[in-house]
N, C-alpha and C. Protein backbone atom coordinates (compact mmCIF):
# COMPACT_ATOMS: atom_id res chain seq x y z
N MET A 1 17.13 10.03 25.27
CA MET A 1 16.42 9.22 26.23
C MET A 1 16.10 7.83 25.68
N TYR A 2 15.79 7.76 24.38
CA TYR A 2 15.51 6.49 23.73
C TYR A 2 16.48 6.31 22.58
N GLN A 3 16.80 5.07 22.29
CA GLN A 3 17.59 4.75 21.11
C GLN A 3 16.76 3.82 20.24
N THR A 4 16.93 3.97 18.92
CA THR A 4 16.22 3.08 18.01
C THR A 4 17.22 2.23 17.25
N ARG A 5 16.76 1.07 16.85
CA ARG A 5 17.59 0.15 16.07
C ARG A 5 16.68 -0.87 15.41
N TRP A 6 17.27 -1.69 14.53
CA TRP A 6 16.54 -2.79 13.92
C TRP A 6 16.50 -3.97 14.89
N ALA A 7 15.35 -4.61 14.99
CA ALA A 7 15.20 -5.77 15.87
C ALA A 7 15.95 -6.96 15.29
N GLU A 8 16.34 -7.85 16.17
CA GLU A 8 17.03 -9.08 15.77
C GLU A 8 16.05 -10.24 15.80
N ARG A 9 16.42 -11.32 15.12
CA ARG A 9 15.53 -12.48 14.98
C ARG A 9 15.05 -12.99 16.33
N GLU A 10 15.95 -13.08 17.29
CA GLU A 10 15.58 -13.65 18.59
C GLU A 10 14.59 -12.76 19.36
N GLU A 11 14.34 -11.56 18.88
CA GLU A 11 13.38 -10.67 19.53
C GLU A 11 11.96 -10.79 18.95
N MET A 12 11.80 -11.64 17.94
CA MET A 12 10.50 -11.80 17.31
C MET A 12 9.45 -12.32 18.28
N LEU A 13 9.84 -13.12 19.25
CA LEU A 13 8.88 -13.62 20.24
C LEU A 13 8.31 -12.45 21.06
N LEU A 14 9.16 -11.55 21.51
CA LEU A 14 8.69 -10.37 22.24
C LEU A 14 7.81 -9.51 21.34
N LEU A 15 8.20 -9.35 20.09
CA LEU A 15 7.42 -8.52 19.17
C LEU A 15 6.07 -9.14 18.86
N ALA A 16 5.99 -10.47 18.86
CA ALA A 16 4.69 -11.14 18.72
C ALA A 16 3.84 -10.89 19.95
N GLU A 17 4.45 -10.84 21.13
CA GLU A 17 3.73 -10.50 22.35
C GLU A 17 3.20 -9.07 22.28
N TYR A 18 4.01 -8.15 21.76
CA TYR A 18 3.55 -6.78 21.60
C TYR A 18 2.42 -6.71 20.57
N TRP A 19 2.48 -7.53 19.52
CA TRP A 19 1.38 -7.60 18.55
C TRP A 19 0.10 -8.01 19.27
N TYR A 20 0.19 -9.00 20.15
CA TYR A 20 -0.97 -9.47 20.89
C TYR A 20 -1.55 -8.33 21.76
N ARG A 21 -0.68 -7.62 22.46
CA ARG A 21 -1.15 -6.51 23.29
C ARG A 21 -1.83 -5.45 22.44
N MET A 22 -1.21 -5.13 21.28
CA MET A 22 -1.78 -4.15 20.36
C MET A 22 -3.15 -4.62 19.88
N ALA A 23 -3.27 -5.89 19.52
CA ALA A 23 -4.53 -6.42 19.02
C ALA A 23 -5.62 -6.38 20.11
N CYS A 24 -5.25 -6.68 21.33
CA CYS A 24 -6.22 -6.62 22.44
C CYS A 24 -6.68 -5.19 22.69
N GLU A 25 -5.76 -4.24 22.64
CA GLU A 25 -6.14 -2.84 22.82
C GLU A 25 -7.02 -2.36 21.68
N LEU A 26 -6.71 -2.80 20.46
CA LEU A 26 -7.53 -2.47 19.31
C LEU A 26 -8.95 -2.97 19.52
N GLY A 27 -9.07 -4.17 20.08
CA GLY A 27 -10.39 -4.72 20.39
C GLY A 27 -11.12 -3.90 21.42
N ASP A 28 -10.40 -3.48 22.45
CA ASP A 28 -11.02 -2.65 23.50
C ASP A 28 -11.49 -1.31 22.95
N ILE A 29 -10.71 -0.73 22.06
CA ILE A 29 -11.02 0.60 21.53
C ILE A 29 -12.12 0.53 20.46
N ASP A 30 -11.99 -0.42 19.53
CA ASP A 30 -12.87 -0.44 18.37
C ASP A 30 -13.77 -1.67 18.29
N GLY A 31 -13.80 -2.49 19.34
CA GLY A 31 -14.72 -3.61 19.37
C GLY A 31 -14.36 -4.79 18.49
N ILE A 32 -13.09 -4.94 18.17
CA ILE A 32 -12.64 -6.07 17.35
C ILE A 32 -12.30 -7.22 18.29
N PRO A 33 -12.69 -8.45 17.95
CA PRO A 33 -12.41 -9.58 18.85
C PRO A 33 -10.91 -9.76 19.11
N ALA A 34 -10.58 -10.07 20.34
CA ALA A 34 -9.18 -10.30 20.72
C ALA A 34 -8.69 -11.60 20.10
N PRO A 35 -7.41 -11.68 19.75
CA PRO A 35 -6.86 -12.91 19.19
C PRO A 35 -6.76 -14.01 20.24
N ASP A 36 -6.79 -15.25 19.77
CA ASP A 36 -6.61 -16.37 20.69
C ASP A 36 -5.17 -16.87 20.59
N LEU A 37 -4.82 -17.85 21.42
CA LEU A 37 -3.44 -18.35 21.48
C LEU A 37 -2.98 -18.90 20.13
N MET A 38 -3.87 -19.53 19.38
CA MET A 38 -3.50 -20.07 18.07
C MET A 38 -3.07 -18.93 17.13
N GLN A 39 -3.80 -17.81 17.16
CA GLN A 39 -3.45 -16.68 16.32
C GLN A 39 -2.10 -16.08 16.72
N VAL A 40 -1.83 -16.02 18.01
CA VAL A 40 -0.55 -15.50 18.48
C VAL A 40 0.59 -16.37 17.95
N ASN A 41 0.43 -17.68 18.00
CA ASN A 41 1.45 -18.59 17.47
C ASN A 41 1.61 -18.42 15.97
N GLN A 42 0.51 -18.23 15.26
CA GLN A 42 0.58 -18.02 13.82
C GLN A 42 1.34 -16.73 13.49
N VAL A 43 1.07 -15.68 14.26
CA VAL A 43 1.75 -14.41 14.04
C VAL A 43 3.24 -14.55 14.32
N ARG A 44 3.60 -15.21 15.41
CA ARG A 44 5.01 -15.42 15.72
C ARG A 44 5.70 -16.18 14.59
N ASN A 45 5.07 -17.24 14.08
CA ASN A 45 5.65 -18.02 12.99
C ASN A 45 5.75 -17.20 11.70
N LEU A 46 4.74 -16.37 11.46
CA LEU A 46 4.77 -15.48 10.29
C LEU A 46 5.92 -14.49 10.41
N PHE A 47 6.08 -13.89 11.59
CA PHE A 47 7.18 -12.95 11.81
C PHE A 47 8.52 -13.61 11.51
N LEU A 48 8.72 -14.82 12.02
CA LEU A 48 10.00 -15.52 11.80
C LEU A 48 10.21 -15.84 10.33
N LYS A 49 9.17 -16.35 9.68
CA LYS A 49 9.28 -16.71 8.26
C LYS A 49 9.59 -15.49 7.40
N GLU A 50 8.85 -14.41 7.61
CA GLU A 50 9.04 -13.22 6.80
C GLU A 50 10.36 -12.52 7.12
N TYR A 51 10.76 -12.56 8.38
CA TYR A 51 12.06 -12.00 8.77
C TYR A 51 13.17 -12.77 8.06
N ASP A 52 13.08 -14.10 8.09
CA ASP A 52 14.11 -14.94 7.46
C ASP A 52 14.17 -14.73 5.96
N SER A 53 13.04 -14.40 5.34
CA SER A 53 13.03 -14.19 3.89
C SER A 53 13.45 -12.77 3.50
N GLY A 54 13.63 -11.90 4.49
CA GLY A 54 14.05 -10.53 4.21
C GLY A 54 12.90 -9.58 3.91
N ASN A 55 11.68 -10.04 4.09
CA ASN A 55 10.51 -9.21 3.79
C ASN A 55 9.94 -8.48 5.00
N LEU A 56 10.47 -8.73 6.19
CA LEU A 56 9.95 -8.11 7.40
C LEU A 56 11.10 -7.63 8.27
N LEU A 57 11.01 -6.38 8.65
CA LEU A 57 11.93 -5.83 9.64
C LEU A 57 11.12 -5.03 10.64
N PHE A 58 11.58 -5.05 11.87
CA PHE A 58 10.98 -4.24 12.92
C PHE A 58 11.99 -3.20 13.38
N ARG A 59 11.51 -2.01 13.54
CA ARG A 59 12.30 -0.96 14.17
C ARG A 59 11.82 -0.91 15.61
N VAL A 60 12.75 -0.84 16.55
CA VAL A 60 12.39 -0.82 17.97
C VAL A 60 13.05 0.37 18.65
N ALA A 61 12.39 0.82 19.73
CA ALA A 61 12.95 1.87 20.59
C ALA A 61 13.23 1.24 21.94
N MET A 62 14.38 1.58 22.49
CA MET A 62 14.79 1.04 23.79
C MET A 62 14.90 2.18 24.79
N ASP A 63 14.52 1.85 26.04
CA ASP A 63 14.66 2.83 27.11
C ASP A 63 16.11 2.87 27.60
N LEU A 64 16.36 3.63 28.63
CA LEU A 64 17.73 3.78 29.15
C LEU A 64 18.32 2.48 29.66
N GLU A 65 17.47 1.52 30.04
CA GLU A 65 17.94 0.22 30.52
C GLU A 65 18.13 -0.79 29.40
N GLY A 66 17.85 -0.38 28.15
CA GLY A 66 18.02 -1.27 27.01
C GLY A 66 16.83 -2.17 26.74
N LYS A 67 15.71 -1.90 27.40
CA LYS A 67 14.51 -2.70 27.21
C LYS A 67 13.71 -2.14 26.03
N ILE A 68 13.21 -3.03 25.17
CA ILE A 68 12.37 -2.60 24.05
C ILE A 68 11.03 -2.14 24.59
N VAL A 69 10.69 -0.87 24.31
CA VAL A 69 9.46 -0.30 24.82
C VAL A 69 8.50 0.13 23.70
N SER A 70 8.95 0.03 22.46
CA SER A 70 8.11 0.40 21.34
C SER A 70 8.61 -0.30 20.09
N CYS A 71 7.67 -0.60 19.18
CA CYS A 71 8.07 -1.26 17.93
C CYS A 71 7.13 -0.87 16.80
N ALA A 72 7.64 -1.01 15.59
CA ALA A 72 6.86 -0.85 14.37
C ALA A 72 7.48 -1.76 13.33
N GLY A 73 6.64 -2.54 12.67
CA GLY A 73 7.13 -3.46 11.66
C GLY A 73 6.85 -2.97 10.26
N GLY A 74 7.71 -3.38 9.34
CA GLY A 74 7.52 -3.11 7.93
C GLY A 74 7.52 -4.43 7.19
N LEU A 75 6.46 -4.70 6.44
CA LEU A 75 6.32 -5.95 5.69
C LEU A 75 6.24 -5.62 4.22
N LEU A 76 7.16 -6.17 3.45
CA LEU A 76 7.21 -5.92 2.01
C LEU A 76 6.47 -7.05 1.30
N ARG A 77 5.55 -6.68 0.42
CA ARG A 77 4.75 -7.63 -0.35
C ARG A 77 4.74 -7.21 -1.81
N MET A 78 4.50 -8.19 -2.66
CA MET A 78 4.23 -7.90 -4.06
C MET A 78 2.72 -7.96 -4.23
N GLU A 79 2.12 -6.83 -4.61
CA GLU A 79 0.67 -6.74 -4.72
C GLU A 79 0.31 -5.90 -5.94
N TYR A 80 -0.96 -6.01 -6.34
CA TYR A 80 -1.47 -5.12 -7.37
C TYR A 80 -1.73 -3.76 -6.73
N ALA A 81 -1.25 -2.70 -7.35
CA ALA A 81 -1.37 -1.35 -6.78
C ALA A 81 -2.82 -0.92 -6.67
N PHE A 82 -3.66 -1.38 -7.57
CA PHE A 82 -5.09 -1.08 -7.54
C PHE A 82 -5.80 -2.23 -8.26
N PRO A 83 -7.11 -2.36 -8.10
CA PRO A 83 -7.82 -3.55 -8.58
C PRO A 83 -7.62 -3.92 -10.04
N LEU A 84 -7.42 -2.98 -10.94
CA LEU A 84 -7.26 -3.31 -12.35
C LEU A 84 -5.82 -3.24 -12.84
N SER A 85 -4.87 -3.26 -11.92
CA SER A 85 -3.45 -3.24 -12.29
C SER A 85 -3.11 -4.47 -13.12
N GLN A 86 -2.16 -4.28 -14.01
CA GLN A 86 -1.72 -5.38 -14.87
C GLN A 86 -0.56 -6.17 -14.28
N GLU A 87 0.18 -5.54 -13.36
CA GLU A 87 1.36 -6.23 -12.82
C GLU A 87 1.51 -5.99 -11.32
N LEU A 88 2.20 -6.91 -10.70
CA LEU A 88 2.49 -6.79 -9.27
C LEU A 88 3.61 -5.78 -9.06
N THR A 89 3.52 -5.03 -7.97
CA THR A 89 4.55 -4.07 -7.63
C THR A 89 4.89 -4.20 -6.14
N PRO A 90 6.10 -3.78 -5.74
CA PRO A 90 6.43 -3.83 -4.32
C PRO A 90 5.50 -2.90 -3.53
N PHE A 91 5.03 -3.41 -2.44
CA PHE A 91 4.03 -2.71 -1.64
C PHE A 91 4.39 -2.89 -0.17
N GLY A 92 4.32 -1.83 0.61
CA GLY A 92 4.68 -1.91 2.02
C GLY A 92 3.47 -1.91 2.94
N TRP A 93 3.59 -2.68 3.99
CA TRP A 93 2.60 -2.67 5.07
C TRP A 93 3.31 -2.27 6.36
N ILE A 94 2.71 -1.37 7.10
CA ILE A 94 3.17 -1.03 8.44
C ILE A 94 2.36 -1.91 9.38
N ILE A 95 3.04 -2.70 10.20
CA ILE A 95 2.33 -3.65 11.05
C ILE A 95 2.80 -3.53 12.50
N SER A 96 1.95 -3.96 13.38
CA SER A 96 2.29 -4.17 14.79
C SER A 96 3.00 -2.98 15.43
N VAL A 97 2.37 -1.83 15.32
CA VAL A 97 2.91 -0.63 15.97
C VAL A 97 2.42 -0.64 17.41
N TYR A 98 3.34 -0.66 18.33
CA TYR A 98 2.96 -0.77 19.74
C TYR A 98 3.98 -0.05 20.62
N THR A 99 3.47 0.65 21.63
CA THR A 99 4.33 1.29 22.63
C THR A 99 3.81 0.91 24.01
N VAL A 100 4.70 0.47 24.87
CA VAL A 100 4.35 0.16 26.25
C VAL A 100 3.74 1.41 26.88
N GLU A 101 2.67 1.21 27.64
CA GLU A 101 1.83 2.33 28.10
C GLU A 101 2.59 3.49 28.73
N GLN A 102 3.53 3.23 29.63
CA GLN A 102 4.21 4.32 30.32
C GLN A 102 5.19 5.10 29.43
N HIS A 103 5.38 4.64 28.19
CA HIS A 103 6.28 5.33 27.26
C HIS A 103 5.53 6.00 26.11
N ARG A 104 4.22 6.06 26.21
CA ARG A 104 3.40 6.66 25.15
C ARG A 104 3.44 8.19 25.22
N LYS A 105 3.01 8.78 24.11
CA LYS A 105 2.92 10.25 23.98
C LYS A 105 4.29 10.91 24.00
N LYS A 106 5.30 10.17 23.51
CA LYS A 106 6.66 10.72 23.45
C LYS A 106 7.21 10.69 22.02
N GLY A 107 6.34 10.39 21.06
CA GLY A 107 6.74 10.40 19.66
C GLY A 107 7.40 9.13 19.16
N LEU A 108 7.40 8.07 19.96
CA LEU A 108 8.09 6.85 19.55
C LEU A 108 7.44 6.18 18.33
N ALA A 109 6.12 6.03 18.36
CA ALA A 109 5.44 5.41 17.22
C ALA A 109 5.68 6.22 15.95
N HIS A 110 5.58 7.53 16.06
CA HIS A 110 5.82 8.41 14.92
C HIS A 110 7.22 8.18 14.34
N LEU A 111 8.22 8.20 15.21
CA LEU A 111 9.60 8.02 14.77
C LEU A 111 9.83 6.65 14.14
N LEU A 112 9.35 5.59 14.78
CA LEU A 112 9.58 4.23 14.28
C LEU A 112 8.87 3.99 12.95
N VAL A 113 7.65 4.47 12.82
CA VAL A 113 6.93 4.31 11.55
C VAL A 113 7.65 5.06 10.44
N GLU A 114 8.14 6.24 10.75
CA GLU A 114 8.90 7.02 9.77
C GLU A 114 10.14 6.23 9.30
N GLU A 115 10.86 5.63 10.24
CA GLU A 115 12.06 4.86 9.90
C GLU A 115 11.70 3.60 9.10
N VAL A 116 10.60 2.96 9.44
CA VAL A 116 10.17 1.77 8.69
C VAL A 116 9.76 2.17 7.27
N CYS A 117 9.09 3.30 7.13
CA CYS A 117 8.70 3.76 5.79
C CYS A 117 9.92 4.01 4.91
N GLU A 118 10.99 4.54 5.49
CA GLU A 118 12.23 4.75 4.74
C GLU A 118 12.78 3.41 4.23
N TRP A 119 12.77 2.40 5.08
CA TRP A 119 13.25 1.06 4.67
C TRP A 119 12.39 0.51 3.55
N LEU A 120 11.06 0.62 3.67
CA LEU A 120 10.17 0.12 2.62
C LEU A 120 10.43 0.84 1.30
N LYS A 121 10.64 2.15 1.38
CA LYS A 121 10.94 2.93 0.17
C LYS A 121 12.26 2.48 -0.46
N GLU A 122 13.26 2.25 0.37
CA GLU A 122 14.55 1.76 -0.13
C GLU A 122 14.42 0.40 -0.81
N LYS A 123 13.47 -0.41 -0.36
CA LYS A 123 13.22 -1.74 -0.93
C LYS A 123 12.37 -1.69 -2.19
N GLY A 124 11.95 -0.48 -2.60
CA GLY A 124 11.22 -0.34 -3.85
C GLY A 124 9.72 -0.15 -3.71
N ALA A 125 9.20 -0.13 -2.50
CA ALA A 125 7.76 0.09 -2.32
C ALA A 125 7.41 1.51 -2.74
N LYS A 126 6.33 1.65 -3.44
CA LYS A 126 5.86 2.97 -3.88
C LYS A 126 4.89 3.58 -2.89
N ARG A 127 4.35 2.76 -1.98
CA ARG A 127 3.42 3.25 -0.96
C ARG A 127 3.37 2.26 0.18
N ALA A 128 2.82 2.72 1.28
CA ALA A 128 2.63 1.85 2.45
C ALA A 128 1.20 2.00 2.93
N ARG A 129 0.71 0.93 3.47
CA ARG A 129 -0.65 0.90 3.99
C ARG A 129 -0.61 0.35 5.40
N LEU A 130 -1.63 0.69 6.20
CA LEU A 130 -1.73 0.13 7.55
C LEU A 130 -3.18 0.14 7.98
N TRP A 131 -3.45 -0.62 9.03
CA TRP A 131 -4.74 -0.58 9.71
C TRP A 131 -4.50 0.10 11.04
N SER A 132 -5.40 0.98 11.41
CA SER A 132 -5.21 1.77 12.61
C SER A 132 -6.45 1.72 13.50
N SER A 133 -6.20 1.79 14.80
CA SER A 133 -7.31 1.98 15.72
C SER A 133 -7.83 3.41 15.52
N SER A 134 -9.04 3.65 15.94
CA SER A 134 -9.60 5.00 15.79
C SER A 134 -8.80 6.01 16.61
N SER A 135 -8.22 5.59 17.72
CA SER A 135 -7.48 6.53 18.57
C SER A 135 -6.09 6.87 18.04
N ALA A 136 -5.55 6.10 17.10
CA ALA A 136 -4.19 6.34 16.60
C ALA A 136 -4.17 7.01 15.23
N LYS A 137 -5.31 7.24 14.64
CA LYS A 137 -5.35 7.78 13.27
C LYS A 137 -4.58 9.09 13.11
N ASN A 138 -4.61 9.95 14.12
CA ASN A 138 -3.92 11.23 14.00
C ASN A 138 -2.41 11.07 13.91
N VAL A 139 -1.85 10.07 14.57
CA VAL A 139 -0.40 9.81 14.45
C VAL A 139 -0.06 9.55 12.99
N TYR A 140 -0.87 8.72 12.34
CA TYR A 140 -0.59 8.35 10.95
C TYR A 140 -0.90 9.49 9.99
N LYS A 141 -1.92 10.27 10.28
CA LYS A 141 -2.20 11.45 9.44
C LYS A 141 -1.03 12.41 9.48
N ASP A 142 -0.43 12.59 10.67
CA ASP A 142 0.74 13.47 10.80
C ASP A 142 1.91 12.98 9.96
N LEU A 143 1.96 11.68 9.69
CA LEU A 143 3.03 11.10 8.88
C LEU A 143 2.71 11.09 7.38
N GLY A 144 1.53 11.60 7.02
CA GLY A 144 1.16 11.68 5.61
C GLY A 144 0.26 10.56 5.13
N PHE A 145 -0.18 9.68 6.02
CA PHE A 145 -1.13 8.64 5.62
C PHE A 145 -2.50 9.30 5.47
N THR A 146 -3.26 8.82 4.50
CA THR A 146 -4.61 9.31 4.28
C THR A 146 -5.59 8.16 4.40
N SER A 147 -6.81 8.49 4.76
CA SER A 147 -7.86 7.47 4.81
C SER A 147 -8.20 7.05 3.40
N MET A 148 -8.45 5.76 3.25
CA MET A 148 -8.81 5.24 1.93
C MET A 148 -10.30 4.96 1.90
N LEU A 149 -10.82 4.91 0.71
CA LEU A 149 -12.22 4.57 0.57
C LEU A 149 -12.40 3.10 0.91
N ASP A 150 -13.27 2.84 1.82
CA ASP A 150 -13.50 1.48 2.25
C ASP A 150 -14.97 1.37 2.59
N MET A 151 -15.57 0.31 2.16
CA MET A 151 -16.98 0.12 2.47
C MET A 151 -17.13 -1.21 3.18
N GLU A 152 -18.12 -1.26 4.03
CA GLU A 152 -18.32 -2.48 4.79
C GLU A 152 -19.81 -2.71 4.98
N LYS A 153 -20.21 -3.96 4.95
CA LYS A 153 -21.58 -4.33 5.25
C LYS A 153 -21.53 -5.41 6.31
N PRO A 154 -21.92 -5.09 7.52
CA PRO A 154 -21.92 -6.14 8.56
C PRO A 154 -23.09 -7.09 8.35
N PHE A 155 -22.82 -8.37 8.51
CA PHE A 155 -23.87 -9.38 8.42
C PHE A 155 -24.24 -9.80 9.83
N VAL A 156 -25.49 -9.70 10.12
CA VAL A 156 -25.97 -10.03 11.47
C VAL A 156 -26.58 -11.40 11.49
C-alpha cells in the first residue's frame, strides 16, 4: 500500500512544511510555542545545507498516488558521547518525524525511523537521539529508544 524511498533535494521544501506541521502539533500536545515563519525558513535552509553536505537524509513513505504522506529525517553530527568524553564521535539525530493525519496508525513512522536508524548506523553513529511529543513516546520505545535523564527548571 505504501512505498518508502530516500527523499530528493527538491523535496526539502515539502519536508520543511511537514516539520512545521509536526512542530505545531507538538505545541498543541505539549504546550511548546509554535514556530514562526523565520524559523520555518531557517529549518528549510538547514535541511538544504545538511542534505548537500551528506549529513542529512530523509526517508519518506508515498501513498498509491505517489504523494509523500510520511517522513523521518536522520541527521549525522560529531558530538561528545557524554559530558566528560575526550573525543567527538559520530552521533545520530532522528528529526522531523511526521505522518499526514489520514495515514497515521499504519506503522509508517515506525518503519521510516527504523530505516533512518540503519542509515545512521552505516554512517558510523553508535546511537541516535530524538525529541518526542508525549503522545509519540510509545512508538519510539517500541523501536528500542529509552528515556534519558533530563532535568529542567522553568523560570517564571
